[in-house]
Amino acid sequence: INPVILSIGPLAISWYSLSYVVGILLGWFYASRIVIKFSIDTAGFKTLVRHPYIGKEMAWRIINLRKKLGKNYLSKELLNSYQVCDSVQWSKLEPYIILEKNSLSE
C-alpha cells in the first residue's frame, strides 16, 4: 500500500497525516459535546462529576452548600467564601456555568 494519498507537486498527503487530522477533529467534536454549559444551581451530582474541572469532592461541596443554604442560587462569591472553589478554579469553570440568579442581589 502506498503511504501517500495525494501528491500535488512538492506537497504529499499521507495516510498517517490524515489519521492525525481526523483524530484531532473527532476529539475536538467529542469534547465539545461532552463539556456543555450547565446550571450550577440545579445540576445533579452526575452532571457535576462529568465536567473535567469538577471532581467528586467539589461536586459534593457544591451540593452540600446548596442544601446548607436552603436555596439554589449560588454565585462566585458564595462558592469562594464557603471554600468550594477558589478564583483559579472559578476562572476555569466560568465559561461552562450558567448562574440563574445572583444571590447577592436578594
N, C-alpha and C. Protein backbone atom coordinates (compact mmCIF):
# COMPACT_ATOMS: atom_id res chain seq x y z
N ILE A 1 0.85 -1.18 0.00
CA ILE A 1 0.00 0.00 0.00
C ILE A 1 0.89 1.24 0.00
N ASN A 2 0.55 2.15 -0.86
CA ASN A 2 1.30 3.39 -0.97
C ASN A 2 0.93 4.30 0.21
N PRO A 3 1.91 4.81 0.98
CA PRO A 3 1.61 5.66 2.13
C PRO A 3 1.11 7.05 1.75
N VAL A 4 1.24 7.43 0.49
CA VAL A 4 0.82 8.76 0.05
C VAL A 4 -0.57 8.65 -0.58
N ILE A 5 -1.51 9.48 -0.07
CA ILE A 5 -2.87 9.50 -0.62
C ILE A 5 -2.92 10.38 -1.86
N LEU A 6 -2.34 11.58 -1.73
CA LEU A 6 -2.44 12.57 -2.78
C LEU A 6 -1.13 13.33 -2.85
N SER A 7 -0.67 13.57 -4.03
CA SER A 7 0.57 14.32 -4.21
C SER A 7 0.34 15.40 -5.25
N ILE A 8 0.53 16.65 -4.82
CA ILE A 8 0.39 17.79 -5.73
C ILE A 8 1.71 18.54 -5.69
N GLY A 9 2.52 18.36 -6.71
CA GLY A 9 3.84 18.98 -6.75
C GLY A 9 4.67 18.49 -5.57
N PRO A 10 5.25 19.41 -4.81
CA PRO A 10 6.08 19.00 -3.67
C PRO A 10 5.25 18.62 -2.43
N LEU A 11 3.95 18.88 -2.45
CA LEU A 11 3.07 18.59 -1.31
C LEU A 11 2.53 17.17 -1.42
N ALA A 12 2.79 16.37 -0.41
CA ALA A 12 2.28 14.99 -0.38
C ALA A 12 1.50 14.78 0.91
N ILE A 13 0.28 14.28 0.77
CA ILE A 13 -0.57 13.99 1.92
C ILE A 13 -0.58 12.48 2.12
N SER A 14 -0.14 12.06 3.32
CA SER A 14 -0.05 10.62 3.57
C SER A 14 -1.22 10.17 4.45
N TRP A 15 -1.42 8.86 4.49
CA TRP A 15 -2.46 8.27 5.33
C TRP A 15 -2.20 8.59 6.80
N TYR A 16 -0.95 8.59 7.16
CA TYR A 16 -0.55 8.86 8.55
C TYR A 16 -0.98 10.26 8.98
N SER A 17 -0.70 11.25 8.15
CA SER A 17 -1.08 12.63 8.49
C SER A 17 -2.59 12.81 8.47
N LEU A 18 -3.26 12.13 7.57
CA LEU A 18 -4.71 12.20 7.51
C LEU A 18 -5.34 11.62 8.78
N SER A 19 -4.76 10.55 9.30
CA SER A 19 -5.30 9.95 10.53
C SER A 19 -5.12 10.91 11.71
N TYR A 20 -4.03 11.65 11.76
CA TYR A 20 -3.84 12.65 12.81
C TYR A 20 -4.91 13.73 12.73
N VAL A 21 -5.12 14.26 11.56
CA VAL A 21 -6.10 15.33 11.37
C VAL A 21 -7.51 14.84 11.73
N VAL A 22 -7.87 13.68 11.26
CA VAL A 22 -9.20 13.13 11.57
C VAL A 22 -9.32 12.87 13.07
N GLY A 23 -8.30 12.35 13.71
CA GLY A 23 -8.33 12.10 15.15
C GLY A 23 -8.49 13.38 15.96
N ILE A 24 -7.78 14.42 15.58
CA ILE A 24 -7.89 15.70 16.27
C ILE A 24 -9.28 16.29 16.09
N LEU A 25 -9.82 16.24 14.89
CA LEU A 25 -11.16 16.78 14.64
C LEU A 25 -12.23 16.00 15.39
N LEU A 26 -12.12 14.68 15.40
CA LEU A 26 -13.09 13.87 16.14
C LEU A 26 -12.98 14.11 17.64
N GLY A 27 -11.77 14.24 18.15
CA GLY A 27 -11.57 14.54 19.56
C GLY A 27 -12.14 15.89 19.95
N TRP A 28 -11.93 16.89 19.13
CA TRP A 28 -12.49 18.22 19.40
C TRP A 28 -14.01 18.17 19.37
N PHE A 29 -14.57 17.48 18.38
CA PHE A 29 -16.03 17.37 18.28
C PHE A 29 -16.60 16.66 19.50
N TYR A 30 -15.97 15.56 19.91
CA TYR A 30 -16.43 14.80 21.08
C TYR A 30 -16.34 15.64 22.36
N ALA A 31 -15.23 16.33 22.53
CA ALA A 31 -15.04 17.16 23.73
C ALA A 31 -16.03 18.31 23.77
N SER A 32 -16.34 18.89 22.63
CA SER A 32 -17.30 20.00 22.61
C SER A 32 -18.71 19.53 22.94
N ARG A 33 -19.00 18.27 22.71
CA ARG A 33 -20.32 17.72 23.04
C ARG A 33 -20.41 17.30 24.51
N ILE A 34 -19.30 16.90 25.10
CA ILE A 34 -19.29 16.47 26.50
C ILE A 34 -19.37 17.66 27.44
N VAL A 35 -18.53 18.65 27.19
CA VAL A 35 -18.44 19.81 28.07
C VAL A 35 -19.44 20.85 27.58
N ILE A 36 -20.61 20.84 28.22
CA ILE A 36 -21.65 21.77 27.85
C ILE A 36 -21.91 22.71 29.02
N LYS A 37 -22.59 23.81 28.74
CA LYS A 37 -22.96 24.72 29.83
C LYS A 37 -24.03 24.06 30.69
N PHE A 38 -23.94 24.28 31.99
CA PHE A 38 -24.92 23.73 32.91
C PHE A 38 -25.18 24.73 34.02
N SER A 39 -26.33 24.59 34.64
CA SER A 39 -26.68 25.47 35.75
C SER A 39 -26.11 24.89 37.03
N ILE A 40 -25.25 25.64 37.67
CA ILE A 40 -24.65 25.18 38.92
C ILE A 40 -25.70 25.12 40.03
N ASP A 41 -26.81 25.83 39.83
CA ASP A 41 -27.87 25.87 40.83
C ASP A 41 -28.75 24.62 40.81
N THR A 42 -28.83 23.94 39.68
CA THR A 42 -29.74 22.80 39.58
C THR A 42 -29.08 21.51 39.12
N ALA A 43 -27.82 21.57 38.74
CA ALA A 43 -27.15 20.38 38.21
C ALA A 43 -27.01 19.32 39.30
N GLY A 44 -27.24 18.07 38.90
CA GLY A 44 -27.10 16.96 39.82
C GLY A 44 -25.65 16.51 39.94
N PHE A 45 -25.44 15.54 40.82
CA PHE A 45 -24.09 15.04 41.08
C PHE A 45 -23.44 14.50 39.81
N LYS A 46 -24.18 13.70 39.03
CA LYS A 46 -23.61 13.10 37.82
C LYS A 46 -23.18 14.17 36.81
N THR A 47 -23.99 15.20 36.65
CA THR A 47 -23.65 16.28 35.72
C THR A 47 -22.40 17.01 36.18
N LEU A 48 -22.32 17.27 37.47
CA LEU A 48 -21.15 17.98 38.00
C LEU A 48 -19.88 17.14 37.87
N VAL A 49 -19.96 15.86 38.20
CA VAL A 49 -18.77 15.00 38.17
C VAL A 49 -18.26 14.79 36.74
N ARG A 50 -19.15 14.80 35.77
CA ARG A 50 -18.73 14.59 34.38
C ARG A 50 -17.91 15.75 33.83
N HIS A 51 -17.99 16.90 34.47
CA HIS A 51 -17.24 18.05 33.98
C HIS A 51 -15.76 17.86 34.30
N PRO A 52 -14.86 18.17 33.35
CA PRO A 52 -13.44 17.92 33.58
C PRO A 52 -12.81 18.75 34.70
N TYR A 53 -13.38 19.90 35.05
CA TYR A 53 -12.80 20.73 36.09
C TYR A 53 -13.44 20.52 37.45
N ILE A 54 -14.44 19.65 37.54
CA ILE A 54 -15.12 19.38 38.80
C ILE A 54 -14.97 17.89 39.10
N GLY A 55 -14.40 17.58 40.22
CA GLY A 55 -14.27 16.19 40.64
C GLY A 55 -15.36 15.84 41.63
N LYS A 56 -15.25 14.65 42.21
CA LYS A 56 -16.24 14.20 43.18
C LYS A 56 -16.30 15.12 44.39
N GLU A 57 -15.11 15.50 44.88
CA GLU A 57 -15.06 16.32 46.08
C GLU A 57 -15.75 17.67 45.88
N MET A 58 -15.44 18.36 44.78
CA MET A 58 -16.05 19.66 44.53
C MET A 58 -17.55 19.52 44.26
N ALA A 59 -17.95 18.45 43.58
CA ALA A 59 -19.37 18.22 43.32
C ALA A 59 -20.13 18.07 44.64
N TRP A 60 -19.58 17.30 45.57
CA TRP A 60 -20.22 17.14 46.88
C TRP A 60 -20.26 18.46 47.63
N ARG A 61 -19.19 19.25 47.52
CA ARG A 61 -19.18 20.54 48.21
C ARG A 61 -20.26 21.47 47.66
N ILE A 62 -20.45 21.47 46.34
CA ILE A 62 -21.48 22.31 45.72
C ILE A 62 -22.86 21.86 46.17
N ILE A 63 -23.11 20.56 46.13
CA ILE A 63 -24.42 20.04 46.53
C ILE A 63 -24.68 20.29 48.01
N ASN A 64 -23.69 20.08 48.85
CA ASN A 64 -23.85 20.34 50.29
C ASN A 64 -24.08 21.82 50.58
N LEU A 65 -23.43 22.69 49.83
CA LEU A 65 -23.64 24.13 50.02
C LEU A 65 -25.07 24.50 49.65
N ARG A 66 -25.59 23.94 48.57
CA ARG A 66 -26.99 24.21 48.19
C ARG A 66 -27.94 23.74 49.28
N LYS A 67 -27.66 22.57 49.86
CA LYS A 67 -28.51 22.06 50.95
C LYS A 67 -28.39 22.94 52.19
N LYS A 68 -27.17 23.36 52.51
CA LYS A 68 -26.92 24.16 53.71
C LYS A 68 -27.61 25.52 53.63
N LEU A 69 -27.54 26.15 52.45
CA LEU A 69 -28.13 27.48 52.30
C LEU A 69 -29.64 27.44 52.15
N GLY A 70 -30.18 26.28 51.81
CA GLY A 70 -31.62 26.16 51.67
C GLY A 70 -32.18 26.87 50.45
N LYS A 71 -31.32 27.24 49.54
CA LYS A 71 -31.76 27.86 48.29
C LYS A 71 -30.84 27.39 47.18
N ASN A 72 -31.24 27.64 45.99
CA ASN A 72 -30.47 27.13 44.86
C ASN A 72 -29.79 28.23 44.06
N TYR A 73 -29.47 29.36 44.68
CA TYR A 73 -28.82 30.43 43.94
C TYR A 73 -27.39 30.61 44.43
N LEU A 74 -26.45 30.10 43.67
CA LEU A 74 -25.05 30.20 44.03
C LEU A 74 -24.38 31.28 43.19
N SER A 75 -23.30 31.82 43.70
CA SER A 75 -22.53 32.81 42.97
C SER A 75 -21.05 32.53 43.19
N LYS A 76 -20.23 33.25 42.46
CA LYS A 76 -18.78 33.12 42.61
C LYS A 76 -18.37 33.44 44.05
N GLU A 77 -18.97 34.49 44.61
CA GLU A 77 -18.62 34.92 45.96
C GLU A 77 -18.98 33.86 46.99
N LEU A 78 -20.17 33.25 46.85
CA LEU A 78 -20.57 32.20 47.79
C LEU A 78 -19.67 30.98 47.69
N LEU A 79 -19.37 30.56 46.46
CA LEU A 79 -18.50 29.39 46.28
C LEU A 79 -17.12 29.65 46.85
N ASN A 80 -16.64 30.87 46.72
CA ASN A 80 -15.32 31.21 47.25
C ASN A 80 -15.36 31.33 48.77
N SER A 81 -16.38 31.99 49.32
CA SER A 81 -16.42 32.19 50.77
C SER A 81 -16.63 30.89 51.54
N TYR A 82 -17.32 29.94 50.95
CA TYR A 82 -17.51 28.63 51.60
C TYR A 82 -16.43 27.64 51.19
N GLN A 83 -15.39 28.11 50.52
CA GLN A 83 -14.23 27.32 50.10
C GLN A 83 -14.61 26.13 49.24
N VAL A 84 -15.60 26.33 48.38
CA VAL A 84 -15.96 25.29 47.40
C VAL A 84 -14.97 25.33 46.25
N CYS A 85 -14.65 26.53 45.79
CA CYS A 85 -13.62 26.68 44.76
C CYS A 85 -12.96 28.04 44.91
N ASP A 86 -11.73 28.12 44.46
CA ASP A 86 -11.01 29.39 44.54
C ASP A 86 -11.12 30.13 43.20
N SER A 87 -10.49 31.28 43.11
CA SER A 87 -10.62 32.10 41.90
C SER A 87 -9.99 31.44 40.68
N VAL A 88 -8.96 30.64 40.86
CA VAL A 88 -8.34 29.94 39.73
C VAL A 88 -9.29 28.88 39.18
N GLN A 89 -9.89 28.10 40.09
CA GLN A 89 -10.86 27.10 39.66
C GLN A 89 -12.07 27.77 39.02
N TRP A 90 -12.50 28.87 39.60
CA TRP A 90 -13.66 29.58 39.06
C TRP A 90 -13.39 30.08 37.65
N SER A 91 -12.19 30.59 37.39
CA SER A 91 -11.87 31.09 36.05
C SER A 91 -11.92 29.97 35.01
N LYS A 92 -11.61 28.74 35.43
CA LYS A 92 -11.72 27.60 34.52
C LYS A 92 -13.18 27.19 34.31
N LEU A 93 -13.97 27.27 35.36
CA LEU A 93 -15.36 26.83 35.31
C LEU A 93 -16.31 27.84 34.68
N GLU A 94 -16.02 29.11 34.86
CA GLU A 94 -16.96 30.17 34.49
C GLU A 94 -17.54 30.07 33.07
N PRO A 95 -16.75 29.73 32.05
CA PRO A 95 -17.34 29.65 30.71
C PRO A 95 -18.41 28.57 30.56
N TYR A 96 -18.43 27.60 31.47
CA TYR A 96 -19.33 26.47 31.35
C TYR A 96 -20.52 26.54 32.31
N ILE A 97 -20.55 27.56 33.18
CA ILE A 97 -21.57 27.63 34.22
C ILE A 97 -22.61 28.69 33.87
N ILE A 98 -23.86 28.34 34.12
CA ILE A 98 -24.96 29.28 33.98
C ILE A 98 -25.42 29.62 35.39
N LEU A 99 -25.33 30.90 35.76
CA LEU A 99 -25.85 31.35 37.03
C LEU A 99 -27.26 31.89 36.78
N GLU A 100 -28.24 31.26 37.41
CA GLU A 100 -29.63 31.63 37.13
C GLU A 100 -30.03 32.93 37.78
N LYS A 101 -29.46 33.23 38.95
CA LYS A 101 -29.80 34.45 39.65
C LYS A 101 -28.64 34.79 40.57
N ASN A 102 -28.30 36.05 40.65
CA ASN A 102 -27.21 36.47 41.53
C ASN A 102 -27.73 36.50 42.96
N SER A 103 -27.17 35.67 43.82
CA SER A 103 -27.62 35.58 45.20
C SER A 103 -27.34 36.85 45.99
N LEU A 104 -26.41 37.67 45.56
CA LEU A 104 -26.08 38.87 46.30
C LEU A 104 -27.12 39.98 46.10
N SER A 105 -27.95 39.86 45.09
CA SER A 105 -28.94 40.90 44.81
C SER A 105 -30.25 40.66 45.53
N GLU A 106 -30.32 39.61 46.33
CA GLU A 106 -31.57 39.31 47.05
C GLU A 106 -31.76 40.22 48.22
